[in-house]
Protein backbone atom coordinates (compact mmCIF):
# COMPACT_ATOMS: atom_id res chain seq x y z
CA UNK A 1 -8.51 19.47 0.99
CA UNK A 2 -4.99 19.51 -0.50
CA UNK A 3 -3.34 22.45 -2.25
CA UNK A 4 0.16 22.16 -3.70
CA UNK A 5 1.72 25.49 -4.64
CA UNK A 6 4.84 25.82 -6.78
CA UNK A 7 6.42 22.74 -5.20
CA UNK A 8 10.11 22.23 -5.90
CA UNK A 9 12.02 19.16 -4.78
CA UNK A 10 15.47 17.74 -5.39
CA UNK A 11 17.56 14.63 -4.93
CA UNK A 12 20.82 16.10 -3.77
CA UNK A 13 21.71 18.79 -6.31
CA UNK A 14 19.38 17.42 -8.98
CA UNK A 15 16.02 19.20 -9.05
CA UNK A 16 13.20 16.78 -9.84
CA UNK A 17 10.16 19.04 -9.41
CA UNK A 18 10.33 22.52 -10.94
CA UNK A 19 7.31 24.25 -9.43
CA UNK A 20 4.39 21.82 -9.40
CA UNK A 21 0.95 23.17 -8.49
CA UNK A 22 -2.29 21.23 -8.22
CA UNK A 23 -5.29 20.77 -5.93
CA UNK A 24 -7.41 17.91 -4.65
CA UNK A 25 -10.93 18.52 -3.41
CA UNK A 26 -12.50 16.33 -0.76
CA UNK A 27 -14.26 13.36 -2.31
CA UNK A 28 -12.35 13.47 -5.60
CA UNK A 29 -10.15 11.02 -7.41
CA UNK A 30 -7.28 12.99 -8.95
CA UNK A 31 -4.72 11.28 -11.14
CA UNK A 32 -1.18 12.28 -12.04
CA UNK A 33 -0.07 10.83 -15.36
CA UNK A 34 3.12 11.14 -17.34
CA UNK A 35 6.03 9.16 -18.71
CA UNK A 36 8.66 7.44 -16.59
CA UNK A 37 10.82 10.00 -14.80
CA UNK A 38 8.22 12.75 -15.06
CA UNK A 39 8.11 13.28 -11.29
CA UNK A 40 4.93 11.46 -10.32
CA UNK A 41 6.36 9.24 -7.58
CA UNK A 42 8.58 12.10 -6.42
CA UNK A 43 5.47 14.21 -5.91
CA UNK A 44 3.81 11.54 -3.75
CA UNK A 45 6.95 11.11 -1.64
CA UNK A 46 7.17 14.87 -1.15
CA UNK A 47 3.54 14.98 -0.03
CA UNK A 48 4.17 12.23 2.51
CA UNK A 49 7.20 14.11 3.89
CA UNK A 50 9.37 11.00 3.47
CA UNK A 51 13.02 11.59 4.22
CA UNK A 52 16.16 11.49 2.04
CA UNK A 53 17.99 9.64 0.58
CA UNK A 54 15.01 7.56 -0.58
CA UNK A 55 12.88 10.65 -1.03
CA UNK A 56 13.42 14.20 -2.30
CA UNK A 57 14.12 17.28 -0.26
CA UNK A 58 11.50 20.00 -0.68
CA UNK A 59 13.41 23.11 -1.75
CA UNK A 60 10.57 25.52 -2.51
CA UNK A 61 6.84 26.07 -2.59
CA UNK A 62 4.29 24.83 -0.08
CA UNK A 63 1.79 22.08 0.62
CA UNK A 64 -1.45 22.92 2.39
CA UNK A 65 -3.73 20.29 3.92
CA UNK A 66 -7.11 21.65 4.98
CA UNK A 67 -5.59 25.14 4.81
CA UNK A 68 -2.53 24.52 7.00
CA UNK A 69 1.03 24.13 5.75
CA UNK A 70 2.39 20.63 6.27
CA UNK A 71 6.02 21.32 5.37
CA UNK A 72 7.14 20.87 8.98
CA UNK A 73 4.97 17.82 9.63
CA UNK A 74 6.89 14.69 10.60
CA UNK A 75 6.22 11.63 8.39
CA UNK A 76 4.54 9.64 11.19
CA UNK A 77 2.17 12.55 11.83
CA UNK A 78 1.25 12.74 8.14
CA UNK A 79 -0.30 9.31 8.67
CA UNK A 80 -1.20 9.47 12.34
CA UNK A 81 -2.68 12.98 12.54
CA UNK A 82 -3.40 14.20 9.01
CA UNK A 83 -4.68 10.78 7.91
CA UNK A 84 -2.80 10.72 4.61
CA UNK A 85 -1.49 7.27 3.65
CA UNK A 86 0.67 6.12 0.74
CA UNK A 87 0.46 2.74 -0.97
CA UNK A 88 3.95 2.73 -2.47
CA UNK A 89 5.12 1.33 -5.76
CA UNK A 90 6.16 -2.27 -5.22
CA UNK A 91 3.65 -2.74 -2.35
CA UNK A 92 6.34 -3.16 0.34
CA UNK A 93 4.31 -5.50 2.51
CA UNK A 94 6.03 -7.09 5.50
CA UNK A 95 6.93 -10.45 4.04
CA UNK A 96 7.73 -12.15 7.35
CA UNK A 97 4.37 -11.19 8.86
CA UNK A 98 1.02 -12.79 8.17
CA UNK A 99 -1.78 -11.05 6.32
CA UNK A 100 -3.65 -10.29 9.52
CA UNK A 101 -0.44 -9.07 11.21
CA UNK A 102 0.27 -6.71 8.31
CA UNK A 103 -3.22 -5.29 8.62
CA UNK A 104 -3.39 -4.95 12.38
CA UNK A 105 0.06 -3.38 12.49
CA UNK A 106 -1.30 -0.57 10.32
CA UNK A 107 -4.00 0.12 12.89
CA UNK A 108 -1.53 1.80 15.28
CA UNK A 109 -3.09 5.13 14.29
CA UNK A 110 -6.60 3.77 14.55
CA UNK A 111 -8.45 4.83 17.68
CA UNK A 112 -11.65 3.18 16.53
CA UNK A 113 -12.72 -0.43 16.29
CA UNK A 114 -9.82 -2.23 14.59
CA UNK A 115 -11.78 -5.50 14.42
CA UNK A 116 -14.58 -3.77 12.56
CA UNK A 117 -12.09 -2.25 10.12
CA UNK A 118 -10.44 -5.64 9.63
CA UNK A 119 -13.80 -7.15 8.75
CA UNK A 120 -14.36 -4.27 6.32
CA UNK A 121 -11.03 -4.95 4.58
CA UNK A 122 -11.82 -8.65 4.34
CA UNK A 123 -15.18 -7.72 2.84
CA UNK A 124 -13.43 -5.65 0.17
CA UNK A 125 -10.81 -8.33 -0.48
CA UNK A 126 -12.21 -11.80 0.33
CA UNK A 127 -8.96 -13.39 -0.90
CA UNK A 128 -7.18 -11.82 2.05
CA UNK A 129 -9.68 -13.37 4.46
CA UNK A 130 -8.92 -16.78 2.93
CA UNK A 131 -5.18 -16.18 3.43
CA UNK A 132 -5.20 -14.30 6.72
CA UNK A 133 -2.59 -16.57 8.33
CA UNK A 134 -0.27 -16.71 5.31
CA UNK A 135 2.99 -14.77 5.29
CA UNK A 136 2.99 -11.69 3.11
CA UNK A 137 5.84 -12.98 0.96
CA UNK A 138 3.85 -16.09 -0.02
CA UNK A 139 1.05 -14.08 -1.64
CA UNK A 140 0.75 -13.46 -5.35
CA UNK A 141 1.48 -9.98 -6.69
CA UNK A 142 -2.21 -9.20 -6.91
CA UNK A 143 -2.84 -10.38 -3.37
CA UNK A 144 0.07 -8.31 -2.10
CA UNK A 145 -1.43 -5.25 -3.78
CA UNK A 146 -4.76 -5.97 -2.08
CA UNK A 147 -2.88 -6.27 1.21
CA UNK A 148 -1.10 -2.96 0.65
CA UNK A 149 -4.39 -1.18 -0.03
CA UNK A 150 -6.06 -2.92 2.89
CA UNK A 151 -3.22 -1.86 5.14
CA UNK A 152 -3.77 1.76 4.12
CA UNK A 153 -7.47 1.48 4.88
CA UNK A 154 -6.64 0.15 8.35
CA UNK A 155 -4.87 3.44 9.06
CA UNK A 156 -8.25 5.21 8.77
CA UNK A 157 -6.88 7.46 6.04
CA UNK A 158 -9.04 10.22 4.59
CA UNK A 159 -6.63 10.84 1.69
CA UNK A 160 -5.18 7.77 -0.03
CA UNK A 161 -2.14 8.09 -2.30
CA UNK A 162 -1.51 5.19 -4.68
CA UNK A 163 1.67 4.71 -6.68
CA UNK A 164 1.20 2.34 -9.64
CA UNK A 165 -1.46 0.07 -8.10
CA UNK A 166 -1.90 -1.94 -11.32
CA UNK A 167 1.81 -2.71 -11.82
CA UNK A 168 2.36 -6.42 -12.38
CA UNK A 169 -1.33 -7.30 -12.17
CA UNK A 170 -3.21 -9.43 -14.66
CA UNK A 171 -5.93 -7.57 -16.60
CA UNK A 172 -8.62 -9.24 -14.47
CA UNK A 173 -7.01 -8.22 -11.19
CA UNK A 174 -6.33 -4.74 -12.54
CA UNK A 175 -10.01 -4.19 -13.29
CA UNK A 176 -10.92 -5.64 -9.88
CA UNK A 177 -8.53 -3.21 -8.18
CA UNK A 178 -9.94 -0.21 -10.04
CA UNK A 179 -13.49 -1.27 -9.17
CA UNK A 180 -12.48 -1.39 -5.52
CA UNK A 181 -10.94 2.09 -5.70
CA UNK A 182 -14.13 3.41 -7.28
CA UNK A 183 -16.19 1.87 -4.49
CA UNK A 184 -13.90 3.33 -1.80
CA UNK A 185 -14.31 6.75 -3.41
CA UNK A 186 -18.09 6.36 -3.46
CA UNK A 187 -17.89 5.77 0.28
CA UNK A 188 -16.10 9.08 0.75
CA UNK A 189 -12.38 8.35 0.43
CA UNK A 190 -10.35 10.97 -1.45
CA UNK A 191 -7.69 9.48 -3.73
CA UNK A 192 -4.57 10.64 -5.54
CA UNK A 193 -3.63 8.08 -8.16
CA UNK A 194 -0.31 7.73 -9.97
CA UNK A 195 -0.73 5.17 -12.72
CA UNK A 196 1.13 4.21 -15.90
CA UNK A 197 -2.13 2.94 -17.41
CA UNK A 198 -3.19 6.49 -18.19
CA UNK A 199 -6.38 5.48 -19.96
CA UNK A 200 -7.68 3.51 -16.99
CA UNK A 201 -6.62 6.24 -14.58
CA UNK A 202 -8.39 8.99 -16.53
CA UNK A 203 -11.55 6.91 -16.83
CA UNK A 204 -11.61 6.53 -13.07
CA UNK A 205 -10.55 10.06 -12.09
CA UNK A 206 -12.66 13.17 -11.73
CA UNK A 207 -9.67 15.31 -12.72
CA UNK A 208 -6.14 14.75 -13.94
CA UNK A 209 -2.80 16.49 -14.23
CA UNK A 210 -0.08 15.64 -16.73
CA UNK A 211 3.52 15.80 -15.50
CA UNK A 212 6.46 16.12 -17.86
CA UNK A 213 10.04 16.41 -16.56
CA UNK A 214 8.94 17.80 -13.23
CA UNK A 215 6.32 20.27 -14.46
CA UNK A 216 2.55 20.24 -14.94
CA UNK A 217 1.95 20.61 -18.67
CA UNK A 218 -1.80 19.89 -18.87
CA UNK A 219 -4.81 19.51 -16.63
CA UNK A 220 -8.53 18.96 -16.91
CA UNK A 221 -11.32 16.55 -16.17
CA UNK A 222 -10.58 12.91 -16.78
CA UNK A 223 -12.98 12.96 -19.73
CA UNK A 224 -11.42 16.07 -21.28
CA UNK A 225 -7.91 14.66 -21.05
CA UNK A 226 -9.07 11.37 -22.55
CA UNK A 227 -10.44 13.26 -25.55
CA UNK A 228 -7.47 15.60 -25.98
CA UNK A 229 -5.60 14.85 -29.24
CA UNK A 230 -2.28 15.82 -27.67
CA UNK A 231 -2.82 13.58 -24.66
CA UNK A 232 -3.96 10.73 -26.89
CA UNK A 233 -0.81 11.01 -28.98
CA UNK A 234 1.60 11.33 -26.09
CA UNK A 235 0.13 9.02 -23.45
CA UNK A 236 -2.76 6.96 -24.79
CA UNK A 237 -1.27 5.27 -27.79
CA UNK A 238 -2.49 7.83 -30.30
CA UNK A 239 -6.10 6.66 -30.52
């Protein structure tokens, strides 16, 4: 589904990715783990073709989606035509819009039954149904994260990119979010997950890649990486 080959990206003159290569098969959950500053969020922004200065400039390599290069794809077409959607770090919901307005706004790419998809999102996240008329900025952090994921689903994405979905969530809400992601994957959604909680991410993922200062330094199944002594020491608290 997605093939990243020797991807290089920079912020101005500072190179952030030094030749990153990885693949994502249809129906998989693939996680990118690593310490802060390793290049995880930069990789997601490069995949989404987001523009500087907020995002890096791709300076080398290639990104193939279903076999076709997407390096010249405009950001709105990444969502609207390729059906890749990013849930960014910090959620970035529209605070002055209601829950239902946030969700329906995301359906601009959706040529199907938006009402049916809205009901589906409310089925996944009943809290959002209870708060459908509330402004986005009045929701709790966990509810805003649900809204951000629901908004992505409304775009009819086939590849969902998530940047730190558990950030700021209570343990209960974190487990609830990961259960929802597992259910979405069971229903056919392919997921790329960037997550500081490496243990949870690897338990959920089929495969994982470890980024360190802009390079892939390890890869394997989620189970293999969980059991790796080096990965345990560096990213999982040593046990």
